[in-house]
C-alpha atoms as a PDB file:
ATOM      1  CA  MET A   1       0.000   0.000   0.000  1.00  0.00           C
ATOM      2  CA  PRO A   2       1.465   3.411  -0.966  1.00  0.00           C
ATOM      3  CA  LYS A   3       2.340   5.889   1.725  1.00  0.00           C
ATOM      4  CA  THR A   4      -0.289   8.635   2.069  1.00  0.00           C
ATOM      5  CA  ALA A   5       0.924  12.178   2.570  1.00  0.00           C
ATOM      6  CA  LYS A   6       0.164  13.589   6.006  1.00  0.00           C
ATOM      7  CA  ALA A   7      -1.535  16.607   4.397  1.00  0.00           C
ATOM      8  CA  LEU A   8      -4.041  14.345   2.657  1.00  0.00           C
ATOM      9  CA  LEU A   9      -4.886  12.657   5.936  1.00  0.00           C
ATOM     10  CA  GLN A  10      -5.563  16.061   7.499  1.00  0.00           C
ATOM     11  CA  LEU A  11      -7.929  17.371   4.827  1.00  0.00           C
ATOM     12  CA  PRO A  12     -10.894  19.128   6.403  1.00  0.00           C
ATOM     13  CA  PRO A  13     -14.086  17.153   5.731  1.00  0.00           C
ATOM     14  CA  ALA A  14     -15.658  19.997   3.756  1.00  0.00           C
ATOM     15  CA  THR A  15     -12.569  20.230   1.550  1.00  0.00           C
ATOM     16  CA  ALA A  16     -12.544  16.472   0.937  1.00  0.00           C
ATOM     17  CA  ALA A  17     -16.231  16.665   0.017  1.00  0.00           C
ATOM     18  CA  ALA A  18     -15.556  19.549  -2.390  1.00  0.00           C
ATOM     19  CA  ILE A  19     -12.794  17.539  -4.095  1.00  0.00           C
ATOM     20  CA  GLU A  20     -15.138  14.558  -4.410  1.00  0.00           C
ATOM     21  CA  LYS A  21     -17.825  16.802  -5.905  1.00  0.00           C
ATOM     22  CA  LEU A  22     -15.325  18.244  -8.378  1.00  0.00           C
ATOM     23  CA  GLY A  23     -14.369  14.731  -9.448  1.00  0.00           C
ATOM     24  CA  ALA A  24     -18.003  13.709  -9.860  1.00  0.00           C
ATOM     25  CA  ASP A  25     -18.745  16.907 -11.801  1.00  0.00           C
ATOM     26  CA  LEU A  26     -15.802  16.211 -14.111  1.00  0.00           C
ATOM     27  CA  ALA A  27     -17.126  12.683 -14.679  1.00  0.00           C
ATOM     28  CA  VAL A  28     -20.534  14.105 -15.591  1.00  0.00           C
ATOM     29  CA  ALA A  29     -18.885  16.616 -17.952  1.00  0.00           C
ATOM     30  CA  ARG A  30     -16.986  13.792 -19.676  1.00  0.00           C
ATOM     31  CA  LEU A  31     -20.105  11.635 -19.988  1.00  0.00           C
ATOM     32  CA  ARG A  32     -22.219  14.517 -21.317  1.00  0.00           C
ATOM     33  CA  ARG A  33     -19.601  14.953 -24.032  1.00  0.00           C
ATOM     34  CA  LYS A  34     -19.886  11.214 -24.759  1.00  0.00           C
ATOM     35  CA  GLU A  35     -16.156  10.762 -24.172  1.00  0.00           C
ATOM     36  CA  SER A  36     -14.774   7.410 -23.011  1.00  0.00           C
ATOM     37  CA  LEU A  37     -12.256   7.092 -20.199  1.00  0.00           C
ATOM     38  CA  LYS A  38      -9.698   6.060 -22.822  1.00  0.00           C
ATOM     39  CA  THR A  39     -10.313   9.098 -25.029  1.00  0.00           C
ATOM     40  CA  TRP A  40     -10.386  11.495 -22.080  1.00  0.00           C
ATOM     41  CA  ALA A  41      -7.160  10.022 -20.662  1.00  0.00           C
ATOM     42  CA  GLY A  42      -5.499  10.314 -24.079  1.00  0.00           C
ATOM     43  CA  ARG A  43      -6.534  13.958 -24.431  1.00  0.00           C
ATOM     44  CA  MET A  44      -5.237  14.668 -20.927  1.00  0.00           C
ATOM     45  CA  GLY A  45      -1.996  12.761 -21.421  1.00  0.00           C
ATOM     46  CA  VAL A  46      -2.622  10.496 -18.406  1.00  0.00           C
ATOM     47  CA  SER A  47      -3.595   6.891 -17.807  1.00  0.00           C
ATOM     48  CA  ILE A  48      -7.164   5.619 -17.478  1.00  0.00           C
ATOM     49  CA  PRO A  49      -6.623   4.829 -13.763  1.00  0.00           C
ATOM     50  CA  THR A  50      -5.573   8.455 -13.214  1.00  0.00           C
ATOM     51  CA  VAL A  51      -8.814   9.710 -14.782  1.00  0.00           C
ATOM     52  CA  GLN A  52     -10.712   7.233 -12.623  1.00  0.00           C
ATOM     53  CA  ARG A  53      -8.939   8.536  -9.503  1.00  0.00           C
ATOM     54  CA  LEU A  54      -9.682  12.118 -10.568  1.00  0.00           C
ATOM     55  CA  GLU A  55     -13.358  11.369 -11.081  1.00  0.00           C
ATOM     56  CA  ALA A  56     -13.504   9.501  -7.764  1.00  0.00           C
ATOM     57  CA  GLY A  57     -12.285  12.623  -5.971  1.00  0.00           C
ATOM     58  CA  ASP A  58      -8.872  11.273  -5.000  1.00  0.00           C
ATOM     59  CA  PRO A  59      -7.124  14.255  -3.368  1.00  0.00           C
ATOM     60  CA  SER A  60      -3.688  12.975  -4.395  1.00  0.00           C
ATOM     61  CA  VAL A  61      -4.341  13.710  -8.081  1.00  0.00           C
ATOM     62  CA  GLY A  62      -2.013  16.526  -9.114  1.00  0.00           C
ATOM     63  CA  ILE A  63      -3.259  20.034  -9.704  1.00  0.00           C
ATOM     64  CA  GLY A  64      -1.858  19.973 -13.235  1.00  0.00           C
ATOM     65  CA  ILE A  65      -4.094  17.037 -14.076  1.00  0.00           C
ATOM     66  CA  ILE A  66      -7.080  18.802 -12.551  1.00  0.00           C
ATOM     67  CA  ALA A  67      -6.219  21.947 -14.537  1.00  0.00           C
ATOM     68  CA  THR A  68      -6.045  19.913 -17.745  1.00  0.00           C
ATOM     69  CA  ALA A  69      -9.450  18.361 -17.039  1.00  0.00           C
ATOM     70  CA  LEU A  70     -10.871  21.830 -16.452  1.00  0.00           C
ATOM     71  CA  TRP A  71      -9.286  22.982 -19.709  1.00  0.00           C
ATOM     72  CA  LEU A  72     -11.044  20.151 -21.544  1.00  0.00           C
ATOM     73  CA  ILE A  73     -14.396  21.528 -20.403  1.00  0.00           C
ATOM     74  CA  ASN A  74     -13.341  25.150 -20.956  1.00  0.00           C
ATOM     75  CA  ARG A  75     -13.336  26.022 -17.237  1.00  0.00           C
ATOM     76  CA  ASP A  76      -9.586  26.471 -16.683  1.00  0.00           C
ATOM     77  CA  ALA A  77      -9.889  30.275 -16.538  1.00  0.00           C
ATOM     78  CA  GLU A  78     -11.507  29.844 -13.112  1.00  0.00           C
ATOM     79  CA  ILE A  79      -8.200  28.614 -11.682  1.00  0.00           C
ATOM     80  CA  GLY A  80      -6.795  32.144 -11.750  1.00  0.00           C
ATOM     81  CA  ASN A  81      -9.575  33.354  -9.447  1.00  0.00           C
ATOM     82  CA  LEU A  82      -9.468  30.620  -6.815  1.00  0.00           C
ATOM     83  CA  ALA A  83      -6.986  32.377  -4.518  1.00  0.00           C
ATOM     84  CA  SER A  84      -7.368  35.907  -5.838  1.00  0.00           C
ATOM     85  CA  PRO A  85      -6.468  38.501  -3.179  1.00  0.00           C
ATOM     86  CA  ALA A  86      -9.685  40.343  -3.999  1.00  0.00           C
ATOM     87  CA  SER A  87     -11.659  37.234  -3.030  1.00  0.00           C
ATOM     88  CA  ASP A  88      -9.613  36.303   0.049  1.00  0.00           C
ATOM     89  CA  GLN A  89     -12.264  37.011   2.678  1.00  0.00           C
ATOM     90  CA  GLY A  90     -10.026  36.029   5.599  1.00  0.00           C
ATOM     91  CA  ALA A  91      -7.271  38.435   4.557  1.00  0.00           C
ATOM     92  CA  LEU A  92      -9.793  41.190   3.836  1.00  0.00           C
ATOM     93  CA  GLU A  93     -11.239  40.800   7.336  1.00  0.00           C
ATOM     94  CA  MET A  94      -7.718  40.950   8.804  1.00  0.00           C
ATOM     95  CA  ASP A  95      -7.030  44.137   6.808  1.00  0.00           C
ATOM     96  CA  VAL A  96     -10.198  45.709   8.223  1.00  0.00           C
ATOM     97  CA  ARG A  97      -9.223  44.711  11.785  1.00  0.00           C
ATOM     98  CA  VAL A  98      -5.738  46.198  11.324  1.00  0.00           C
ATOM     99  CA  ALA A  99      -7.225  49.402   9.903  1.00  0.00           C
ATOM    100  CA  LEU A 100      -9.663  49.679  12.817  1.00  0.00           C
ATOM    101  CA  GLU A 101      -6.863  49.131  15.348  1.00  0.00           C
ATOM    102  CA  LEU A 102      -4.721  51.731  13.583  1.00  0.00           C
ATOM    103  CA  GLY A 103      -7.619  54.189  13.617  1.00  0.00           C
ATOM    104  CA  ARG A 104      -8.199  53.605  17.329  1.00  0.00           C
ATOM    105  CA  SER A 105      -4.510  53.989  18.194  1.00  0.00           C
ATOM    106  CA  ARG A 106      -4.235  57.198  16.143  1.00  0.00           C
ATOM    107  CA  ALA A 107      -7.363  58.618  17.759  1.00  0.00           C
ATOM    108  CA  LEU A 108      -5.979  57.753  21.204  1.00  0.00           C
ATOM    109  CA  ALA A 109      -2.585  59.278  20.369  1.00  0.00           C
ATOM    110  CA  SER A 110      -4.283  62.423  19.094  1.00  0.00           C
ATOM    111  CA  ALA A 111      -6.392  62.714  22.244  1.00  0.00           C
ATOM    112  CA  GLU A 112      -3.318  62.193  24.445  1.00  0.00           C
ATOM    113  CA  ALA A 113      -1.419  64.831  22.474  1.00  0.00           C
ATOM    114  CA  ARG A 114      -4.245  67.344  23.028  1.00  0.00           C
ATOM    115  CA  VAL A 115      -4.308  66.562  26.755  1.00  0.00           C
ATOM    116  CA  ASN A 116      -0.530  66.860  27.032  1.00  0.00           C
ATOM    117  CA  LYS A 117      -0.551  70.119  25.075  1.00  0.00           C
ATOM    118  CA  GLY A 118      -3.097  71.514  27.511  1.00  0.00           C
ATOM    119  CA  ARG A 119      -0.955  70.417  30.461  1.00  0.00           C
ATOM    120  CA  THR A 120       2.165  71.956  28.968  1.00  0.00           C
ATOM    121  CA  LYS A 121       0.394  75.288  28.513  1.00  0.00           C
ATOM    122  CA  GLY A 122      -0.820  75.065  32.098  1.00  0.00           C
ATOM    123  CA  PHE A 123       2.723  74.509  33.447  1.00  0.00           C
ATOM    124  CA  LYS A 124       4.130  77.446  31.462  1.00  0.00           C
ATOM    125  CA  ASN A 125       1.479  79.724  32.816  1.00  0.00           C
ATOM    126  CA  ASP A 126       2.112  78.562  36.384  1.00  0.00           C
ATOM    127  CA  SER A 127       5.880  79.145  36.109  1.00  0.00           C
ATOM    128  CA  GLU A 128       5.446  82.557  34.535  1.00  0.00           C
ATOM    129  CA  THR A 129       3.268  83.747  37.407  1.00  0.00           C
ATOM    130  CA  VAL A 130       5.788  82.823  40.105  1.00  0.00           C
END
């Protein structure tokens, strides 16, 4: 039995399910085009068992093979958007948190500067009167 990569054993269940759905969707796309496993494998430059693993949702199938399958159904352009910074909700939320913290710290620093400026004026006036 081949050794399974630790990362594959730690796939979140939702991610594993999404990979399985992608494989099933690719199988449906192939069947709707009335392509055999042999023809599809030949067009992809892989073996029939590799196409079978892809369609079964095997997470160890390489991304290049997945990209080629997407190309065959004219969906490869979507790959460029998968991790787009504009769509990275987690990073966008972090950016907002950092901006809010920066705004709070600047507002606090500004308020402290006003208070300190008022104190400094008060001390000058006190020393001038003595």
